[in-house]
Amino acid sequence: MLAALVVGALTAWYLGLQVGIIAAVVTAAALIAAAFVPGLTLAVYALVIAWCAALYFLGAKISSKKPGAGNMLGSMAGGVAGQLSAWAKKLTGKR
């Protein structure tokens, strides 16, 4: 779970707190799934390393306050989070 904290902190640094929390939760869920699905661990860790490397090398360009990739990425992550919560509510029957 240390990887989820690192991904969340690095993402929050460059893209904002909300996106960082979402990235940390998604990473933690992927790591938990990788613990039970054989062969998934390597793929999850490769994605975590690729995401951290992309943030490290491209983070300054992405995090600019101008309208562009950083704001678009943040809004996409927010949209994905909203869609996931809508699906969860639909599956559980809550409104």
C-alpha atoms as a PDB file:
ATOM      1  CA  MET A   1       0.000   0.000   0.000  1.00  0.00           C
ATOM      2  CA  LEU A   2       3.029   2.253   0.141  1.00  0.00           C
ATOM      3  CA  ALA A   3       2.829   2.505  -3.645  1.00  0.00           C
ATOM      4  CA  ALA A   4      -0.708   3.892  -3.378  1.00  0.00           C
ATOM      5  CA  LEU A   5       0.482   6.578  -0.977  1.00  0.00           C
ATOM      6  CA  VAL A   6       3.368   7.527  -3.244  1.00  0.00           C
ATOM      7  CA  VAL A   7       1.136   7.680  -6.318  1.00  0.00           C
ATOM      8  CA  GLY A   8      -1.469   9.704  -4.431  1.00  0.00           C
ATOM      9  CA  ALA A   9       1.074  12.167  -3.058  1.00  0.00           C
ATOM     10  CA  LEU A  10       2.843  12.652  -6.377  1.00  0.00           C
ATOM     11  CA  THR A  11      -0.430  13.068  -8.242  1.00  0.00           C
ATOM     12  CA  ALA A  12      -1.762  15.494  -5.633  1.00  0.00           C
ATOM     13  CA  TRP A  13       1.421  17.546  -5.903  1.00  0.00           C
ATOM     14  CA  TYR A  14       1.108  18.021  -9.652  1.00  0.00           C
ATOM     15  CA  LEU A  15      -2.626  17.725 -10.379  1.00  0.00           C
ATOM     16  CA  GLY A  16      -4.416  18.632  -7.167  1.00  0.00           C
ATOM     17  CA  LEU A  17      -5.668  16.968  -4.029  1.00  0.00           C
ATOM     18  CA  GLN A  18      -8.890  15.538  -5.443  1.00  0.00           C
ATOM     19  CA  VAL A  19      -7.136  13.830  -8.351  1.00  0.00           C
ATOM     20  CA  GLY A  20      -4.410  12.607  -5.972  1.00  0.00           C
ATOM     21  CA  ILE A  21      -6.956  10.959  -3.687  1.00  0.00           C
ATOM     22  CA  ILE A  22      -8.654   9.323  -6.651  1.00  0.00           C
ATOM     23  CA  ALA A  23      -5.315   8.037  -7.957  1.00  0.00           C
ATOM     24  CA  ALA A  24      -4.400   6.665  -4.521  1.00  0.00           C
ATOM     25  CA  VAL A  25      -7.721   4.830  -4.160  1.00  0.00           C
ATOM     26  CA  VAL A  26      -7.508   3.383  -7.678  1.00  0.00           C
ATOM     27  CA  THR A  27      -3.924   2.262  -7.051  1.00  0.00           C
ATOM     28  CA  ALA A  28      -4.857   0.657  -3.734  1.00  0.00           C
ATOM     29  CA  ALA A  29      -7.767  -1.191  -5.371  1.00  0.00           C
ATOM     30  CA  ALA A  30      -5.495  -2.373  -8.186  1.00  0.00           C
ATOM     31  CA  LEU A  31      -2.896  -3.598  -5.690  1.00  0.00           C
ATOM     32  CA  ILE A  32      -5.549  -5.483  -3.718  1.00  0.00           C
ATOM     33  CA  ALA A  33      -6.859  -7.056  -6.936  1.00  0.00           C
ATOM     34  CA  ALA A  34      -3.288  -7.965  -7.913  1.00  0.00           C
ATOM     35  CA  ALA A  35      -2.882  -9.828  -4.640  1.00  0.00           C
ATOM     36  CA  PHE A  36      -5.650 -12.224  -5.636  1.00  0.00           C
ATOM     37  CA  VAL A  37      -5.302 -12.458  -9.430  1.00  0.00           C
ATOM     38  CA  PRO A  38      -2.246 -14.408 -10.567  1.00  0.00           C
ATOM     39  CA  GLY A  39      -0.011 -12.555 -12.988  1.00  0.00           C
ATOM     40  CA  LEU A  40      -1.578  -9.142 -12.412  1.00  0.00           C
ATOM     41  CA  THR A  41       1.032  -7.905  -9.947  1.00  0.00           C
ATOM     42  CA  LEU A  42       3.691  -7.178 -12.552  1.00  0.00           C
ATOM     43  CA  ALA A  43       1.239  -5.261 -14.744  1.00  0.00           C
ATOM     44  CA  VAL A  44      -0.008  -3.154 -11.823  1.00  0.00           C
ATOM     45  CA  TYR A  45       3.487  -2.261 -10.662  1.00  0.00           C
ATOM     46  CA  ALA A  46       4.517  -1.450 -14.253  1.00  0.00           C
ATOM     47  CA  LEU A  47       1.565   0.949 -14.539  1.00  0.00           C
ATOM     48  CA  VAL A  48       2.383   2.526 -11.178  1.00  0.00           C
ATOM     49  CA  ILE A  49       6.004   3.090 -12.204  1.00  0.00           C
ATOM     50  CA  ALA A  50       4.950   4.448 -15.613  1.00  0.00           C
ATOM     51  CA  TRP A  51       2.449   6.853 -13.997  1.00  0.00           C
ATOM     52  CA  CYS A  52       5.028   8.114 -11.491  1.00  0.00           C
ATOM     53  CA  ALA A  53       7.644   8.548 -14.214  1.00  0.00           C
ATOM     54  CA  ALA A  54       5.185  10.433 -16.418  1.00  0.00           C
ATOM     55  CA  LEU A  55       4.269  12.731 -13.554  1.00  0.00           C
ATOM     56  CA  TYR A  56       7.897  13.311 -12.649  1.00  0.00           C
ATOM     57  CA  PHE A  57       9.026  14.152 -16.168  1.00  0.00           C
ATOM     58  CA  LEU A  58       5.858  15.840 -17.482  1.00  0.00           C
ATOM     59  CA  GLY A  59       4.360  17.131 -14.232  1.00  0.00           C
ATOM     60  CA  ALA A  60       5.536  20.713 -14.596  1.00  0.00           C
ATOM     61  CA  LYS A  61       4.011  20.944 -18.064  1.00  0.00           C
ATOM     62  CA  ILE A  62       0.775  19.255 -17.020  1.00  0.00           C
ATOM     63  CA  SER A  63       0.254  21.249 -13.835  1.00  0.00           C
ATOM     64  CA  SER A  64       0.288  24.679 -15.460  1.00  0.00           C
ATOM     65  CA  LYS A  65      -2.730  26.768 -14.496  1.00  0.00           C
ATOM     66  CA  LYS A  66      -3.422  27.627 -18.114  1.00  0.00           C
ATOM     67  CA  PRO A  67      -6.333  25.805 -19.740  1.00  0.00           C
ATOM     68  CA  GLY A  68      -4.790  22.659 -21.069  1.00  0.00           C
ATOM     69  CA  ALA A  69      -3.727  19.164 -20.213  1.00  0.00           C
ATOM     70  CA  GLY A  70      -3.619  19.515 -16.427  1.00  0.00           C
ATOM     71  CA  ASN A  71      -7.098  20.924 -16.130  1.00  0.00           C
ATOM     72  CA  MET A  72      -8.375  18.461 -18.692  1.00  0.00           C
ATOM     73  CA  LEU A  73      -6.793  15.539 -16.840  1.00  0.00           C
ATOM     74  CA  GLY A  74      -8.254  16.723 -13.549  1.00  0.00           C
ATOM     75  CA  SER A  75     -11.723  17.090 -15.022  1.00  0.00           C
ATOM     76  CA  MET A  76     -11.464  13.670 -16.656  1.00  0.00           C
ATOM     77  CA  ALA A  77     -10.511  12.078 -13.337  1.00  0.00           C
ATOM     78  CA  GLY A  78     -13.409  13.873 -11.655  1.00  0.00           C
ATOM     79  CA  GLY A  79     -15.737  12.636 -14.376  1.00  0.00           C
ATOM     80  CA  VAL A  80     -14.502   9.074 -13.968  1.00  0.00           C
ATOM     81  CA  ALA A  81     -15.020   9.312 -10.201  1.00  0.00           C
ATOM     82  CA  GLY A  82     -18.547  10.609 -10.715  1.00  0.00           C
ATOM     83  CA  GLN A  83     -19.356   7.819 -13.149  1.00  0.00           C
ATOM     84  CA  LEU A  84     -17.977   5.172 -10.788  1.00  0.00           C
ATOM     85  CA  SER A  85     -20.063   6.508  -7.906  1.00  0.00           C
ATOM     86  CA  ALA A  86     -23.164   6.528 -10.145  1.00  0.00           C
ATOM     87  CA  TRP A  87     -22.538   2.897 -11.080  1.00  0.00           C
ATOM     88  CA  ALA A  88     -21.987   1.945  -7.443  1.00  0.00           C
ATOM     89  CA  LYS A  89     -25.247   3.634  -6.440  1.00  0.00           C
ATOM     90  CA  LYS A  90     -27.068   1.875  -9.263  1.00  0.00           C
ATOM     91  CA  LEU A  91     -25.677  -1.531  -8.262  1.00  0.00           C
ATOM     92  CA  THR A  92     -26.508  -1.068  -4.593  1.00  0.00           C
ATOM     93  CA  GLY A  93     -29.922   0.389  -5.299  1.00  0.00           C
ATOM     94  CA  LYS A  94     -29.290   3.607  -3.385  1.00  0.00           C
ATOM     95  CA  ARG A  95     -30.512   6.924  -4.742  1.00  0.00           C
END
